[in-house]
Amino acid sequence: MRRQTPATAVLAARRWRRGEGIAILHRGMAALRQIGKRNQLTLPAEVLASLGLRPGDWVEVRAEGTGVVLRPKPVEDPYTEQDLEELDHLVCRQRKAGQYRDFKTSSAALRHLRQIGR
């Protein structure tokens, strides 16, 4: 693909936008992709690589003006390794004391929580 300046890439994208096709631009790269039947869009590998994105990563999708903006969004686990270790120790202590219970269904767990909350 011929390297384009941002201005020519925008002009090319405006020309390419027909029907359900949509142009994806990033740092001078332009690619034409068609939106599938399930509203899915395949992003070019070069675009993903330039953003450092891999399968399973999250992106923020936002409509801006007449285009679509994708921004990488890291999703952090709210629990640290220390939190998980403390939780594991708590469960072990409760099992030894006979305070830990397994529930076969979520409704059984909710019934138990309602009973101990009284």
Protein backbone atom coordinates (compact mmCIF):
# COMPACT_ATOMS: atom_id res chain seq x y z
CA MET A 1 0.00 0.00 0.00
CA ARG A 2 1.30 3.45 -0.94
CA ARG A 3 2.14 5.58 2.09
CA GLN A 4 -0.29 8.46 2.48
CA THR A 5 -0.22 11.69 4.42
CA PRO A 6 -3.03 12.08 6.97
CA ALA A 7 -4.85 14.56 4.70
CA THR A 8 -4.79 12.27 1.65
CA ALA A 9 -5.76 9.32 3.82
CA VAL A 10 -8.87 11.19 5.02
CA LEU A 11 -9.78 12.12 1.44
CA ALA A 12 -9.28 8.51 0.35
CA ALA A 13 -11.42 7.29 3.24
CA ARG A 14 -14.21 9.65 2.22
CA ARG A 15 -14.07 8.28 -1.32
CA TRP A 16 -13.99 4.66 -0.08
CA ARG A 17 -16.98 4.99 2.22
CA ARG A 18 -19.79 3.34 0.25
CA GLY A 19 -22.69 1.22 1.45
CA GLU A 20 -21.64 -0.81 4.47
CA GLY A 21 -17.91 -0.35 3.89
CA ILE A 22 -15.93 1.73 6.34
CA ALA A 23 -12.38 3.03 6.26
CA ILE A 24 -10.09 2.49 9.22
CA LEU A 25 -7.30 4.98 9.67
CA HIS A 26 -4.34 5.00 12.02
CA ARG A 27 -1.12 6.95 11.67
CA GLY A 28 -1.46 7.35 7.94
CA MET A 29 -2.69 3.81 7.30
CA ALA A 30 -5.97 3.32 5.50
CA ALA A 31 -7.79 0.06 4.90
CA LEU A 32 -11.22 -0.70 3.49
CA ARG A 33 -13.27 -3.23 5.46
CA GLN A 34 -16.89 -4.30 5.19
CA ILE A 35 -19.09 -4.63 8.25
CA GLY A 36 -20.39 -8.19 8.47
CA LYS A 37 -23.92 -9.46 9.05
CA ARG A 38 -23.38 -9.55 12.82
CA ASN A 39 -21.96 -5.98 12.89
CA GLN A 40 -18.43 -7.36 13.13
CA LEU A 41 -15.36 -5.72 11.67
CA THR A 42 -11.96 -7.32 11.12
CA LEU A 43 -9.10 -4.95 11.80
CA PRO A 44 -5.90 -5.21 9.74
CA ALA A 45 -3.00 -6.89 11.51
CA GLU A 46 -0.76 -3.87 10.82
CA VAL A 47 -3.17 -1.56 12.65
CA LEU A 48 -3.40 -3.91 15.65
CA ALA A 49 0.37 -4.36 15.75
CA SER A 50 0.99 -0.60 15.58
CA LEU A 51 -1.29 -0.14 18.62
CA GLY A 52 0.21 -3.10 20.48
CA LEU A 53 -3.17 -4.89 20.55
CA ARG A 54 -3.61 -8.65 20.70
CA PRO A 55 -6.66 -10.94 20.59
CA GLY A 56 -8.61 -10.59 23.83
CA ASP A 57 -7.59 -6.96 24.44
CA TRP A 58 -10.30 -4.35 24.98
CA VAL A 59 -10.90 -1.20 22.95
CA GLU A 60 -13.21 1.74 23.50
CA VAL A 61 -15.45 2.34 20.47
CA ARG A 62 -16.89 5.82 20.01
CA ALA A 63 -18.66 7.66 17.20
CA GLU A 64 -17.04 11.05 16.57
CA GLY A 65 -18.37 13.30 13.85
CA THR A 66 -18.81 11.12 10.78
CA GLY A 67 -16.29 8.48 11.87
CA VAL A 68 -15.53 5.81 14.42
CA VAL A 69 -12.67 6.07 16.92
CA LEU A 70 -11.09 2.99 18.53
CA ARG A 71 -8.87 3.51 21.58
CA PRO A 72 -7.02 0.76 23.46
CA LYS A 73 -8.38 0.44 27.02
CA PRO A 74 -6.51 -1.71 29.51
CA VAL A 75 -8.86 -3.55 31.83
CA GLU A 76 -7.28 -4.09 35.21
CA ASP A 77 -8.23 -6.80 37.66
CA PRO A 78 -9.60 -5.07 40.76
CA TYR A 79 -7.92 -7.66 43.00
CA THR A 80 -4.20 -7.81 43.65
CA GLU A 81 -2.26 -11.00 44.21
CA GLN A 82 -2.21 -10.15 47.92
CA ASP A 83 -6.03 -9.83 47.96
CA LEU A 84 -6.41 -13.25 46.35
CA GLU A 85 -3.92 -14.84 48.76
CA GLU A 86 -5.79 -13.36 51.74
CA LEU A 87 -9.07 -14.66 50.37
CA ASP A 88 -7.52 -18.11 49.89
CA HIS A 89 -6.27 -18.11 53.51
CA LEU A 90 -9.70 -17.02 54.75
CA VAL A 91 -11.40 -19.89 52.89
CA CYS A 92 -8.85 -22.37 54.31
CA ARG A 93 -9.44 -21.12 57.86
CA GLN A 94 -13.23 -21.30 57.41
CA ARG A 95 -13.03 -24.83 56.03
CA LYS A 96 -10.97 -25.99 59.00
CA ALA A 97 -13.42 -24.36 61.42
CA GLY A 98 -16.39 -25.92 59.60
CA GLN A 99 -17.71 -22.49 58.63
CA TYR A 100 -17.27 -22.84 54.88
CA ARG A 101 -20.17 -24.15 52.82
CA ASP A 102 -20.51 -25.18 49.19
CA PHE A 103 -23.78 -24.38 47.45
CA LYS A 104 -25.12 -26.28 44.47
CA THR A 105 -27.20 -23.33 43.21
CA SER A 106 -27.13 -19.55 43.49
CA SER A 107 -30.61 -19.59 45.05
CA ALA A 108 -29.33 -21.86 47.84
CA ALA A 109 -26.50 -19.40 48.50
CA LEU A 110 -28.96 -16.48 48.59
CA ARG A 111 -31.21 -18.35 51.05
CA HIS A 112 -28.22 -18.95 53.30
CA LEU A 113 -27.18 -15.26 53.16
CA ARG A 114 -30.70 -14.15 54.04
CA GLN A 115 -30.78 -16.52 57.02
CA ILE A 116 -27.47 -15.37 58.46
CA GLY A 117 -28.35 -11.72 57.81
CA ARG A 118 -31.33 -11.85 60.21
